[in-house]
Amino acid sequence: MKKSMRLSASLAALSLAFITSGASAADPKADVARIMASPGFKTATATMDKDYDRYVAEGVKLTEIPAPDFKEQVRTKEYEKMLKDAGLADVTTDSEGNIYGIRKGTHSDGKYIVVAAHLDTVFPEGTDVKVKKQGTRYNAPGIGDDTFSLAALVAFVRAMNTAGIKTRDDIIFMGDVGEEGEGDLHGMRYLFTKGPLKDKVKAFMSVEGGSANGITTGGVGSRRYRVTFSGPGGHSYGAFGLVNPMYALGQAAAEFSHTEVPEKPKTTFGIGVIGGGTSVNSIPLSVWMDIDMRSESPEELNKVEARMFKIMNDSTEAENKARSTKEGKITVDIKKIGDRPAGSIDEKSPLVQEATAAVVANGFKPGYGFGSTDSNIPMSLGIPAITIGKNGPNSGGRAHSLDEWLDVAKAPMLQGMDACLTVILTVAGME
């Protein structure tokens, strides 16, 4: 009798563990259908419909607060108010600048589902970020990448709370820093390797400004360098014949441009910015260029990086042989300014299958691909992660440009937001 009771208890515990560990992944289509047919989900989507103008207003308000890398603080303060107003508990800004709140689940295991959108934009201080409206088409730097995603997370929380939705897992909704450019994912690095949530994230979703059709399952690795050539300098006429760092840079840039890379895995390189010199009639003391290299493959990225180092050193040596070094030689300094790790998640994994079922059920045709997003960090650490869109089809464009745009027409945008919310609820286990 005691043995039978122990066996029954063991089976019950096993059953509970199965329920609370994400068993829905065994049949994600059925789970998505259950969620979307529930009164709670219908109330949540109706709430987003009713509050749509508020969502747009909050997106505009955030867009018009400048947020260059390392200077997101003013936007963070405003976002803190929005997260608290939406009803999140324990809204916290960590020491790196990420801000997040917790929505408690019913079967917390001490780990979290993190849903994040990045606070920063690529645009420097002084950029005009005023939203310009032409009907439903809104133009402003950073509006789609990724500011309206921040507003969408607030809309999701508000809708879930209004509907009284409960989830199995604790969910953290986060606005993170440093996703763009020289930010080099420092917000995510801190989250996953140093901060108080280190080792406490069991799944991660980054929400970006694209269509809900897109599911990013691979993180493009990148390395960025500032290469500085320096020399003795001098008068362009009086010191003519001395080594010139500008020539070393020009020769290096030209040679680097002939680098051969494979189409698959996609591998790219580029020189984005150059600078230096003092005047038109001077041999420069120093000049510099910023180099970006990317690949879906760590091995191919290493090859391009190795070639870059060789070219920079060879060009320095060639200039020192070509002209006089009596006042000093050309030197080169190669400084790393960015390093994003590559990573990926199997398309057959539970997280991807749940996301796929959710977007299909909302009328989208999912496509999988690589990108450079916040998900790079967890992917590189083996933590299940994807990046998903929350817009309707063809609802935005010209990211990273001054005429970046977003079409806020209600019906297609709500379709994308419904799909994104479905993904979140499926992964977190809506009850």
Protein backbone atom coordinates (compact mmCIF):
# COMPACT_ATOMS: atom_id res chain seq x y z
CA MET A 1 0.00 0.00 0.00
CA LYS A 2 2.78 2.41 0.93
CA LYS A 3 4.65 1.47 -2.24
CA SER A 4 1.53 2.13 -4.32
CA MET A 5 1.02 5.52 -2.64
CA ARG A 6 4.65 6.44 -3.27
CA LEU A 7 4.27 5.46 -6.93
CA SER A 8 1.10 7.56 -7.28
CA ALA A 9 2.82 10.52 -5.67
CA SER A 10 5.80 10.13 -7.98
CA LEU A 11 3.55 10.03 -11.01
CA ALA A 12 1.73 13.14 -9.83
CA ALA A 13 5.02 14.96 -9.31
CA LEU A 14 6.21 13.87 -12.73
CA SER A 15 2.96 15.07 -14.29
CA LEU A 16 3.29 18.46 -12.57
CA ALA A 17 6.91 18.78 -13.69
CA PHE A 18 5.85 17.99 -17.23
CA ILE A 19 3.15 20.69 -17.14
CA THR A 20 5.38 23.34 -15.62
CA SER A 21 8.40 22.72 -17.83
CA GLY A 22 6.81 23.73 -21.10
CA ALA A 23 5.11 20.55 -22.27
CA SER A 24 3.12 22.62 -24.77
CA ALA A 25 6.13 22.36 -27.07
CA ALA A 26 5.01 18.77 -27.78
CA ASP A 27 2.01 20.13 -29.69
CA PRO A 28 2.46 23.86 -30.21
CA LYS A 29 -0.31 24.11 -32.81
CA ALA A 30 -2.87 22.73 -30.36
CA ASP A 31 -1.60 24.99 -27.61
CA VAL A 32 -1.80 28.07 -29.83
CA ALA A 33 -5.34 27.14 -30.88
CA ARG A 34 -6.34 26.75 -27.21
CA ILE A 35 -4.84 30.13 -26.31
CA MET A 36 -6.41 32.01 -29.21
CA ALA A 37 -9.84 30.50 -28.53
CA SER A 38 -9.75 31.47 -24.86
CA PRO A 39 -11.85 34.34 -23.46
CA GLY A 40 -8.69 35.82 -21.92
CA PHE A 41 -6.87 36.11 -25.23
CA LYS A 42 -9.90 37.58 -26.94
CA THR A 43 -10.21 40.18 -24.19
CA ALA A 44 -6.50 40.98 -24.48
CA THR A 45 -6.64 41.55 -28.22
CA ALA A 46 -9.83 43.59 -27.86
CA THR A 47 -8.02 45.72 -25.28
CA MET A 48 -5.14 46.39 -27.68
CA ASP A 49 -7.69 47.38 -30.31
CA LYS A 50 -9.49 49.72 -27.89
CA ASP A 51 -6.22 51.23 -26.61
CA TYR A 52 -4.51 51.43 -30.01
CA ASP A 53 -4.36 55.23 -30.07
CA ARG A 54 -2.67 55.16 -26.69
CA TYR A 55 -0.07 52.70 -28.01
CA VAL A 56 0.68 55.00 -30.94
CA ALA A 57 0.89 58.06 -28.68
CA GLU A 58 3.31 56.28 -26.35
CA GLY A 59 5.43 55.17 -29.32
CA VAL A 60 5.60 58.75 -30.60
CA LYS A 61 6.47 60.08 -27.15
CA LEU A 62 9.38 57.67 -26.78
CA THR A 63 10.57 58.28 -30.35
CA GLU A 64 10.88 62.00 -29.68
CA ILE A 65 13.23 61.38 -26.74
CA PRO A 66 16.79 61.06 -28.14
CA ALA A 67 18.55 57.86 -27.10
CA PRO A 68 22.05 57.52 -28.58
CA ASP A 69 24.18 54.64 -27.32
CA PHE A 70 25.32 55.23 -23.73
CA LYS A 71 22.88 58.17 -23.42
CA GLU A 72 19.53 56.41 -23.08
CA GLN A 73 18.86 57.70 -19.55
CA VAL A 74 16.10 60.23 -20.34
CA ARG A 75 14.19 57.70 -22.41
CA THR A 76 14.74 55.10 -19.69
CA LYS A 77 13.10 57.35 -17.10
CA GLU A 78 10.02 57.81 -19.28
CA TYR A 79 9.88 54.08 -19.99
CA GLU A 80 10.05 53.36 -16.27
CA LYS A 81 6.81 55.32 -15.81
CA MET A 82 5.14 53.39 -18.63
CA LEU A 83 6.14 49.99 -17.22
CA LYS A 84 4.88 50.92 -13.77
CA ASP A 85 1.63 52.35 -15.15
CA ALA A 86 1.08 49.09 -17.05
CA GLY A 87 1.15 47.22 -13.73
CA LEU A 88 4.52 45.45 -13.70
CA ALA A 89 6.03 44.59 -10.34
CA ASP A 90 9.57 45.29 -9.14
CA VAL A 91 10.45 47.69 -11.96
CA THR A 92 14.24 47.92 -11.78
CA THR A 93 17.06 49.67 -13.60
CA ASP A 94 20.24 47.61 -13.33
CA SER A 95 23.74 49.06 -13.12
CA GLU A 96 24.20 48.80 -16.89
CA GLY A 97 21.02 50.78 -17.66
CA ASN A 98 18.60 47.99 -18.62
CA ILE A 99 15.13 48.59 -17.18
CA TYR A 100 12.67 45.79 -16.55
CA GLY A 101 9.63 44.67 -14.61
CA ILE A 102 8.35 41.24 -13.66
CA ARG A 103 4.97 39.69 -14.37
CA LYS A 104 4.72 36.73 -12.03
CA GLY A 105 3.65 33.30 -13.20
CA THR A 106 1.73 30.65 -11.27
CA HIS A 107 4.46 27.98 -11.27
CA SER A 108 7.65 29.97 -10.88
CA ASP A 109 10.81 27.88 -10.97
CA GLY A 110 13.12 30.78 -10.22
CA LYS A 111 13.89 31.37 -13.88
CA TYR A 112 12.43 33.82 -16.36
CA ILE A 113 11.16 34.28 -19.88
CA VAL A 114 12.65 37.62 -20.98
CA VAL A 115 10.91 39.72 -23.63
CA ALA A 116 13.03 42.74 -24.61
CA ALA A 117 13.14 45.73 -26.95
CA HIS A 118 16.15 48.03 -27.12
CA LEU A 119 16.08 51.60 -25.88
CA ASP A 120 18.95 52.95 -27.98
CA THR A 121 19.06 54.17 -31.58
CA VAL A 122 21.94 54.65 -34.02
CA PHE A 123 21.47 58.41 -34.20
CA PRO A 124 23.86 60.85 -32.46
CA GLU A 125 22.95 63.73 -30.22
CA GLY A 126 21.47 66.66 -32.09
CA THR A 127 19.53 64.52 -34.57
CA ASP A 128 16.01 65.83 -35.22
CA VAL A 129 13.78 63.05 -33.89
CA LYS A 130 10.48 64.87 -34.20
CA VAL A 131 7.85 62.56 -35.72
CA LYS A 132 6.50 63.80 -39.04
CA LYS A 133 3.06 62.49 -39.97
CA GLN A 134 1.61 61.94 -43.43
CA GLY A 135 -1.66 60.14 -42.90
CA THR A 136 -0.78 56.85 -41.21
CA ARG A 137 2.84 57.02 -42.35
CA TYR A 138 5.08 58.35 -39.57
CA ASN A 139 8.69 59.36 -40.26
CA ALA A 140 11.38 59.77 -37.61
CA PRO A 141 14.86 58.40 -36.93
CA GLY A 142 14.57 55.29 -34.75
CA ILE A 143 10.78 55.05 -34.91
CA GLY A 144 10.80 51.47 -36.14
CA ASP A 145 14.19 50.36 -34.84
CA ASP A 146 13.23 49.84 -32.15
CA THR A 147 11.16 52.48 -30.36
CA PHE A 148 7.63 51.35 -31.17
CA SER A 149 8.56 47.87 -29.94
CA LEU A 150 9.07 49.41 -26.50
CA ALA A 151 5.54 50.78 -26.65
CA ALA A 152 4.26 47.39 -27.84
CA LEU A 153 5.64 45.64 -24.75
CA VAL A 154 3.72 48.09 -22.56
CA ALA A 155 0.57 47.43 -24.63
CA PHE A 156 1.03 43.66 -24.16
CA VAL A 157 1.35 43.98 -20.39
CA ARG A 158 -1.67 46.27 -20.17
CA ALA A 159 -3.77 43.90 -22.29
CA MET A 160 -2.73 40.82 -20.29
CA ASN A 161 -3.57 42.52 -17.01
CA THR A 162 -6.92 43.80 -18.25
CA ALA A 163 -7.80 40.29 -19.41
CA GLY A 164 -6.61 38.69 -16.16
CA ILE A 165 -4.32 36.36 -18.09
CA LYS A 166 -2.16 33.98 -16.06
CA THR A 167 0.98 32.29 -17.31
CA ARG A 168 2.95 29.33 -16.03
CA ASP A 169 6.28 31.18 -16.15
CA ASP A 170 7.46 34.48 -14.76
CA ILE A 171 7.92 36.97 -17.61
CA ILE A 172 10.34 39.88 -17.55
CA PHE A 173 9.52 42.76 -19.91
CA MET A 174 12.66 44.77 -20.56
CA GLY A 175 13.96 47.87 -22.30
CA ASP A 176 17.67 47.22 -22.80
CA VAL A 177 20.60 49.45 -23.66
CA GLY A 178 23.46 49.27 -26.12
CA GLU A 179 22.04 47.14 -28.92
CA GLU A 180 23.16 49.42 -31.72
CA GLY A 181 26.57 50.33 -33.15
CA GLU A 182 29.31 50.92 -30.62
CA GLY A 183 26.91 49.92 -27.86
CA ASP A 184 28.08 46.43 -28.88
CA LEU A 185 25.29 44.64 -27.00
CA HIS A 186 26.69 45.73 -23.64
CA GLY A 187 23.22 45.64 -22.06
CA MET A 188 22.74 42.01 -23.05
CA ARG A 189 26.30 41.07 -22.08
CA TYR A 190 25.63 42.37 -18.61
CA LEU A 191 22.24 40.67 -18.38
CA PHE A 192 23.58 37.23 -19.28
CA THR A 193 27.10 37.28 -17.84
CA LYS A 194 27.26 39.64 -14.84
CA GLY A 195 23.94 41.02 -13.66
CA PRO A 196 21.47 39.78 -11.04
CA LEU A 197 19.61 37.75 -13.68
CA LYS A 198 22.70 35.83 -14.77
CA ASP A 199 21.85 32.11 -15.08
CA LYS A 200 18.16 32.89 -14.40
CA VAL A 201 16.91 33.28 -18.00
CA LYS A 202 15.56 30.11 -19.59
CA ALA A 203 14.27 31.67 -22.83
CA PHE A 204 14.73 35.05 -24.50
CA MET A 205 12.76 36.93 -27.12
CA SER A 206 13.89 40.21 -28.67
CA VAL A 207 11.07 42.21 -30.25
CA GLU A 208 12.19 44.27 -33.25
CA GLY A 209 10.48 46.51 -35.77
CA GLY A 210 9.99 44.08 -38.63
CA SER A 211 6.96 42.12 -39.75
CA ALA A 212 5.69 39.23 -37.65
CA ASN A 213 6.63 37.07 -40.64
CA GLY A 214 10.26 37.19 -39.56
CA ILE A 215 11.78 34.86 -36.97
CA THR A 216 15.49 35.39 -36.46
CA THR A 217 17.08 32.07 -35.57
CA GLY A 218 20.72 32.95 -36.20
CA GLY A 219 22.95 35.67 -34.85
CA VAL A 220 25.40 37.21 -37.32
CA GLY A 221 28.80 37.54 -35.69
CA SER A 222 30.63 40.81 -36.19
CA ARG A 223 33.97 42.38 -35.34
CA ARG A 224 34.72 46.06 -35.62
CA TYR A 225 38.04 47.83 -35.48
CA ARG A 226 39.39 51.35 -35.53
CA VAL A 227 42.67 51.30 -37.45
CA THR A 228 44.90 54.34 -36.91
CA PHE A 229 48.00 55.09 -38.99
CA SER A 230 50.42 57.61 -37.47
CA GLY A 231 53.62 59.28 -38.67
CA PRO A 232 55.94 62.27 -38.17
CA GLY A 233 53.77 64.69 -40.18
CA GLY A 234 55.09 67.85 -41.77
CA HIS A 235 54.50 70.58 -44.34
CA SER A 236 53.05 69.31 -47.58
CA TYR A 237 55.66 71.24 -49.59
CA GLY A 238 58.59 71.68 -47.24
CA ALA A 239 58.57 68.09 -45.95
CA PHE A 240 57.54 66.48 -49.22
CA GLY A 241 58.95 62.99 -49.54
CA LEU A 242 58.36 61.93 -45.94
CA VAL A 243 56.16 58.93 -45.21
CA ASN A 244 52.47 59.78 -45.18
CA PRO A 245 49.94 57.84 -43.06
CA MET A 246 47.17 58.80 -45.46
CA TYR A 247 48.86 56.83 -48.23
CA ALA A 248 49.18 53.79 -45.96
CA LEU A 249 45.50 54.04 -45.14
CA GLY A 250 44.51 54.47 -48.78
CA GLN A 251 46.58 51.52 -49.89
CA ALA A 252 45.18 49.37 -47.07
CA ALA A 253 41.59 50.36 -47.85
CA ALA A 254 42.01 49.60 -51.54
CA GLU A 255 43.54 46.19 -50.88
CA PHE A 256 40.94 45.32 -48.26
CA SER A 257 38.18 46.12 -50.76
CA HIS A 258 39.35 43.17 -52.90
CA THR A 259 38.81 40.62 -50.14
CA GLU A 260 36.92 37.58 -51.41
CA VAL A 261 34.15 36.21 -49.21
CA PRO A 262 31.61 33.40 -49.68
CA GLU A 263 27.97 34.05 -50.49
CA LYS A 264 27.05 31.26 -48.10
CA PRO A 265 27.54 31.43 -45.22
CA LYS A 266 26.94 35.11 -45.85
CA THR A 267 30.06 37.10 -45.00
CA THR A 268 30.53 40.85 -45.43
CA PHE A 269 33.00 43.62 -44.74
CA GLY A 270 33.11 47.38 -45.06
CA ILE A 271 34.83 50.61 -44.14
CA GLY A 272 32.20 52.93 -42.73
CA VAL A 273 34.02 55.99 -41.42
CA ILE A 274 37.43 57.63 -42.01
CA GLY A 275 38.99 60.69 -40.42
CA GLY A 276 42.16 62.51 -39.45
CA GLY A 277 44.61 65.07 -40.74
CA THR A 278 45.01 68.73 -39.79
CA SER A 279 44.92 70.78 -43.00
CA VAL A 280 45.08 70.51 -46.75
CA ASN A 281 48.71 71.65 -46.78
CA SER A 282 49.99 69.25 -44.12
CA ILE A 283 51.20 65.68 -44.11
CA PRO A 284 48.90 64.16 -41.47
CA LEU A 285 50.15 63.12 -38.09
CA SER A 286 47.48 60.44 -37.98
CA VAL A 287 44.47 59.15 -39.88
CA TRP A 288 41.98 56.43 -39.05
CA MET A 289 39.20 54.26 -40.41
CA ASP A 290 36.48 52.13 -38.84
CA ILE A 291 36.09 48.63 -40.24
CA ASP A 292 33.09 46.32 -39.91
CA MET A 293 33.26 42.57 -40.64
CA ARG A 294 30.33 40.16 -40.32
CA SER A 295 29.55 36.52 -40.97
CA GLU A 296 27.04 33.82 -40.16
CA SER A 297 30.10 31.59 -39.66
CA PRO A 298 32.69 32.18 -36.91
CA GLU A 299 35.29 30.47 -39.09
CA GLU A 300 34.72 32.76 -42.08
CA LEU A 301 34.72 35.79 -39.80
CA ASN A 302 38.10 34.72 -38.46
CA LYS A 303 39.45 34.49 -42.01
CA VAL A 304 38.38 38.03 -42.92
CA GLU A 305 39.75 39.35 -39.64
CA ALA A 306 43.13 37.67 -40.21
CA ARG A 307 43.34 39.11 -43.73
CA MET A 308 42.50 42.57 -42.39
CA PHE A 309 45.35 42.43 -39.87
CA LYS A 310 47.81 41.34 -42.56
CA ILE A 311 46.74 44.08 -44.95
CA MET A 312 47.05 46.81 -42.34
CA ASN A 313 50.56 45.71 -41.36
CA ASP A 314 51.68 45.15 -44.97
CA SER A 315 50.47 48.61 -46.00
CA THR A 316 52.38 50.18 -43.12
CA GLU A 317 55.55 48.38 -44.15
CA ALA A 318 55.05 49.30 -47.82
CA GLU A 319 54.71 53.02 -47.03
CA ASN A 320 57.84 52.95 -44.87
CA LYS A 321 59.73 51.48 -47.83
CA ALA A 322 58.23 53.86 -50.39
CA ARG A 323 59.21 57.18 -48.75
CA SER A 324 61.70 58.69 -46.34
CA THR A 325 61.59 57.70 -42.66
CA LYS A 326 64.30 60.15 -41.54
CA GLU A 327 61.78 61.91 -39.23
CA GLY A 328 60.15 58.70 -38.11
CA LYS A 329 58.23 55.72 -39.42
CA ILE A 330 54.56 55.04 -40.01
CA THR A 331 53.00 52.95 -37.25
CA VAL A 332 49.62 51.29 -37.11
CA ASP A 333 47.33 50.74 -34.15
CA ILE A 334 44.48 48.23 -34.61
CA LYS A 335 41.94 48.62 -31.82
CA LYS A 336 38.84 46.45 -31.45
CA ILE A 337 35.71 48.55 -30.92
CA GLY A 338 33.04 45.88 -31.31
CA ASP A 339 32.69 42.12 -31.03
CA ARG A 340 29.31 40.44 -31.43
CA PRO A 341 29.37 36.67 -31.08
CA ALA A 342 27.66 34.44 -33.59
CA GLY A 343 25.10 31.85 -32.56
CA SER A 344 21.96 30.08 -33.64
CA ILE A 345 18.98 28.05 -32.49
CA ASP A 346 17.70 24.92 -34.21
CA GLU A 347 14.51 25.55 -36.18
CA LYS A 348 13.14 22.33 -34.67
CA SER A 349 13.61 23.57 -31.12
CA PRO A 350 10.50 24.06 -28.94
CA LEU A 351 10.93 27.85 -28.85
CA VAL A 352 11.04 28.19 -32.64
CA GLN A 353 8.20 25.73 -33.14
CA GLU A 354 6.01 27.60 -30.67
CA ALA A 355 6.76 30.92 -32.36
CA THR A 356 6.08 29.39 -35.77
CA ALA A 357 2.72 28.00 -34.73
CA ALA A 358 1.74 31.35 -33.22
CA VAL A 359 2.54 33.49 -36.25
CA VAL A 360 0.95 31.02 -38.67
CA ALA A 361 -2.25 30.99 -36.63
CA ASN A 362 -2.37 34.79 -36.94
CA GLY A 363 -2.16 34.72 -40.73
CA PHE A 364 1.58 35.11 -41.32
CA LYS A 365 4.03 32.99 -43.31
CA PRO A 366 7.15 32.66 -41.18
CA GLY A 367 10.60 33.02 -42.62
CA TYR A 368 13.78 32.16 -40.76
CA GLY A 369 17.08 33.93 -41.05
CA PHE A 370 20.14 35.52 -39.50
CA GLY A 371 20.43 38.99 -38.02
CA SER A 372 22.52 41.04 -35.63
CA THR A 373 20.27 41.59 -32.61
CA ASP A 374 20.15 41.29 -28.85
CA SER A 375 19.58 37.56 -29.33
CA ASN A 376 23.21 37.10 -30.41
CA ILE A 377 24.36 36.98 -26.80
CA PRO A 378 22.00 34.28 -25.46
CA MET A 379 22.33 32.29 -28.68
CA SER A 380 26.12 32.28 -28.30
CA LEU A 381 25.69 30.97 -24.73
CA GLY A 382 23.33 28.17 -25.76
CA ILE A 383 20.26 29.81 -24.20
CA PRO A 384 17.08 29.43 -26.34
CA ALA A 385 16.54 32.78 -28.06
CA ILE A 386 14.83 34.30 -31.08
CA THR A 387 14.10 37.74 -32.44
CA ILE A 388 10.55 38.38 -33.64
CA GLY A 389 8.73 41.20 -35.39
CA LYS A 390 5.53 42.82 -34.17
CA ASN A 391 4.37 44.76 -37.26
CA GLY A 392 2.05 43.94 -40.10
CA PRO A 393 3.43 43.18 -43.58
CA ASN A 394 5.30 46.05 -45.26
CA SER A 395 4.66 48.36 -42.33
CA GLY A 396 8.05 50.03 -42.12
CA GLY A 397 11.34 50.74 -43.80
CA ARG A 398 14.54 52.78 -44.18
CA ALA A 399 15.89 51.69 -40.79
CA HIS A 400 19.03 53.57 -39.67
CA SER A 401 18.26 56.47 -42.00
CA LEU A 402 16.90 59.93 -41.27
CA ASP A 403 13.73 59.12 -43.22
CA GLU A 404 12.99 55.89 -41.32
CA TRP A 405 9.26 55.26 -41.43
CA LEU A 406 6.45 53.25 -39.88
CA ASP A 407 2.92 52.86 -41.17
CA VAL A 408 0.65 52.86 -38.13
CA ALA A 409 -2.53 51.84 -40.01
CA LYS A 410 -4.46 50.01 -37.34
CA ALA A 411 -5.54 46.71 -38.89
CA PRO A 412 -2.17 45.39 -40.14
CA MET A 413 -0.32 46.62 -37.06
CA LEU A 414 -2.78 44.93 -34.71
CA GLN A 415 -2.44 41.72 -36.71
CA GLY A 416 1.30 41.79 -36.08
CA MET A 417 0.89 42.69 -32.41
CA ASP A 418 -1.64 39.89 -31.91
CA ALA A 419 0.86 37.44 -33.42
CA CYS A 420 3.66 38.69 -31.19
CA LEU A 421 1.50 38.45 -28.08
CA THR A 422 0.50 34.92 -29.08
CA VAL A 423 4.17 33.95 -29.25
CA ILE A 424 4.81 35.34 -25.77
CA LEU A 425 1.79 33.61 -24.23
CA THR A 426 2.60 30.29 -25.89
CA VAL A 427 6.21 30.30 -24.75
CA ALA A 428 5.32 31.42 -21.20
CA GLY A 429 2.47 28.90 -20.96
CA MET A 430 -0.85 30.73 -20.79
CA GLU A 431 -3.18 28.89 -18.46
